[in-house]
Protein backbone atom coordinates (compact mmCIF):
# COMPACT_ATOMS: atom_id res chain seq x y z
CA MET A 1 4.69 -27.60 11.61
CA ALA A 2 1.50 -27.45 9.88
CA VAL A 3 -0.44 -24.33 9.28
CA GLU A 4 -4.15 -24.51 10.18
CA ILE A 5 -6.43 -21.98 8.21
CA THR A 6 -9.40 -21.15 10.29
CA PRO A 7 -12.40 -18.85 9.61
CA HIS A 8 -12.40 -15.30 9.99
CA PRO A 9 -14.02 -14.49 13.36
CA GLY A 10 -17.68 -13.06 12.72
CA TRP A 11 -16.51 -9.39 13.24
CA VAL A 12 -13.71 -9.68 10.48
CA ALA A 13 -16.50 -11.00 8.29
CA ASP A 14 -18.92 -8.06 9.09
CA LEU A 15 -16.12 -5.67 8.63
CA ASP A 16 -15.48 -7.30 5.13
CA ALA A 17 -19.08 -7.17 4.07
CA THR A 18 -19.43 -3.37 5.24
CA LEU A 19 -16.60 -2.39 3.42
CA GLU A 20 -17.15 -4.33 0.16
CA PRO A 21 -19.47 -1.87 -1.71
CA SER A 22 -16.65 0.71 -1.22
CA ARG A 23 -13.94 -1.59 -2.32
CA GLN A 24 -15.74 -2.46 -5.39
CA ALA A 25 -16.48 1.16 -6.13
CA ILE A 26 -12.60 1.72 -6.13
CA LEU A 27 -11.78 -1.27 -8.18
CA ASP A 28 -14.41 -0.26 -10.65
CA THR A 29 -12.74 3.26 -11.37
CA PRO A 30 -11.40 3.79 -14.91
CA VAL A 31 -7.90 4.18 -13.70
CA ILE A 32 -8.02 1.00 -11.67
CA VAL A 33 -9.70 -0.91 -14.28
CA ASP A 34 -7.14 0.30 -16.93
CA ALA A 35 -3.78 -0.13 -14.74
CA SER A 36 -5.15 -3.81 -14.14
CA GLU A 37 -5.41 -4.56 -17.66
CA ASN A 38 -2.30 -2.88 -18.49
CA GLN A 39 -4.15 -0.21 -20.30
CA LEU A 40 -2.86 3.19 -19.08
CA VAL A 41 -1.48 5.53 -21.55
CA ASP A 42 1.52 7.67 -20.76
CA GLY A 43 -0.25 10.57 -19.26
CA GLN A 44 -2.54 8.20 -17.33
CA ILE A 45 0.58 6.36 -15.79
CA GLN A 46 1.97 9.79 -14.82
CA ASN A 47 -1.03 10.81 -13.15
CA PHE A 48 -1.38 7.38 -11.57
CA LEU A 49 2.09 7.52 -9.94
CA VAL A 50 1.70 11.11 -8.52
CA ALA A 51 -2.00 10.53 -7.27
CA PHE A 52 -1.04 7.02 -5.73
CA TYR A 53 2.51 8.43 -4.10
CA PRO A 54 1.15 9.37 -0.93
CA ILE A 55 -0.35 5.82 0.04
CA ILE A 56 2.98 4.42 -0.86
CA ARG A 57 4.94 7.08 1.00
CA ASP A 58 2.87 6.59 4.21
CA PHE A 59 2.27 2.98 4.17
CA PRO A 60 5.39 2.06 6.27
CA GLN A 61 3.90 4.68 8.76
CA TRP A 62 0.62 3.02 8.86
CA LEU A 63 2.11 -0.38 9.52
CA GLN A 64 4.21 1.29 12.34
CA VAL A 65 1.14 1.85 14.33
CA LEU A 66 0.19 -1.85 13.78
CA LEU A 67 3.77 -2.70 15.26
CA ASP A 68 3.43 -0.57 18.00
CA ARG A 69 -0.07 -2.29 18.98
CA SER A 70 0.99 -5.58 18.05
CA PRO A 71 1.56 -8.71 20.39
CA ALA A 72 5.26 -10.14 20.56
CA MET A 73 4.48 -12.86 18.08
CA GLY A 74 3.52 -10.02 15.29
CA ARG A 75 6.53 -8.03 15.72
CA GLU A 76 8.86 -9.80 13.31
CA PHE A 77 5.95 -9.76 10.32
CA PHE A 78 5.27 -6.10 10.63
CA THR A 79 9.15 -4.99 11.30
CA ASP A 80 10.23 -7.15 7.92
CA ASN A 81 7.10 -5.84 6.27
CA ILE A 82 7.99 -1.99 7.02
CA ARG A 83 11.40 -2.40 5.60
CA VAL A 84 10.02 -3.94 2.53
CA GLU A 85 7.29 -1.34 2.03
CA ARG A 86 10.11 1.45 2.63
CA ARG A 87 11.81 0.14 -0.57
CA HIS A 88 8.44 0.46 -2.48
CA ASP A 89 9.02 4.41 -1.98
CA ALA A 90 12.25 4.20 -3.83
CA MET A 91 10.91 2.18 -6.71
CA TRP A 92 7.69 4.45 -6.94
CA ARG A 93 10.20 7.59 -7.33
CA ALA A 94 12.19 5.72 -9.97
CA MET A 95 9.25 4.86 -11.99
CA GLY A 96 8.19 8.66 -11.71
CA ASP A 97 11.86 9.46 -12.89
CA GLY A 98 11.52 7.29 -16.22
CA PHE A 99 8.36 9.53 -17.20
CA SER A 100 10.60 12.63 -16.11
CA ARG A 101 8.02 13.62 -13.35
CA ARG A 102 9.23 16.83 -11.17
CA ARG A 103 9.77 15.57 -7.67
CA CYS A 104 6.26 16.83 -6.20
CA CYS A 105 6.73 15.35 -2.88
CA PRO A 106 9.31 15.67 -0.31
CA LYS A 107 11.14 12.24 0.47
CA PRO A 108 9.53 10.85 3.69
CA ARG A 109 11.74 10.93 6.92
CA ASN A 110 13.68 8.32 7.93
CA SER A 111 11.91 6.58 10.94
CA THR A 112 14.12 5.55 13.54
CA ARG A 113 11.53 3.20 14.83
CA THR A 114 11.69 -0.49 13.72
């Protein structure tokens, strides 16, 4: 079976264009630039891990909302992705442990949904 790549619908292109200045502003922040160039020093790495942890922690819940709203053909994708994203939480915490970071945030509750 061949996959046919089609252009985004107009509303997606409009959304991308609207979000582009915000996306670029985030990508241009010093911590993101330094992280992308592997230039973070120890203190910055620790702060980066702590600051971004809530996004890592909560991402599976955001995907769950999409799963709940997806048509049947999208369910397998979101279910697999949620499983993978839950592992990122443990990896992120392990990176923090490597810097002897105090556990600042409670572990996420295991969702019974998926």
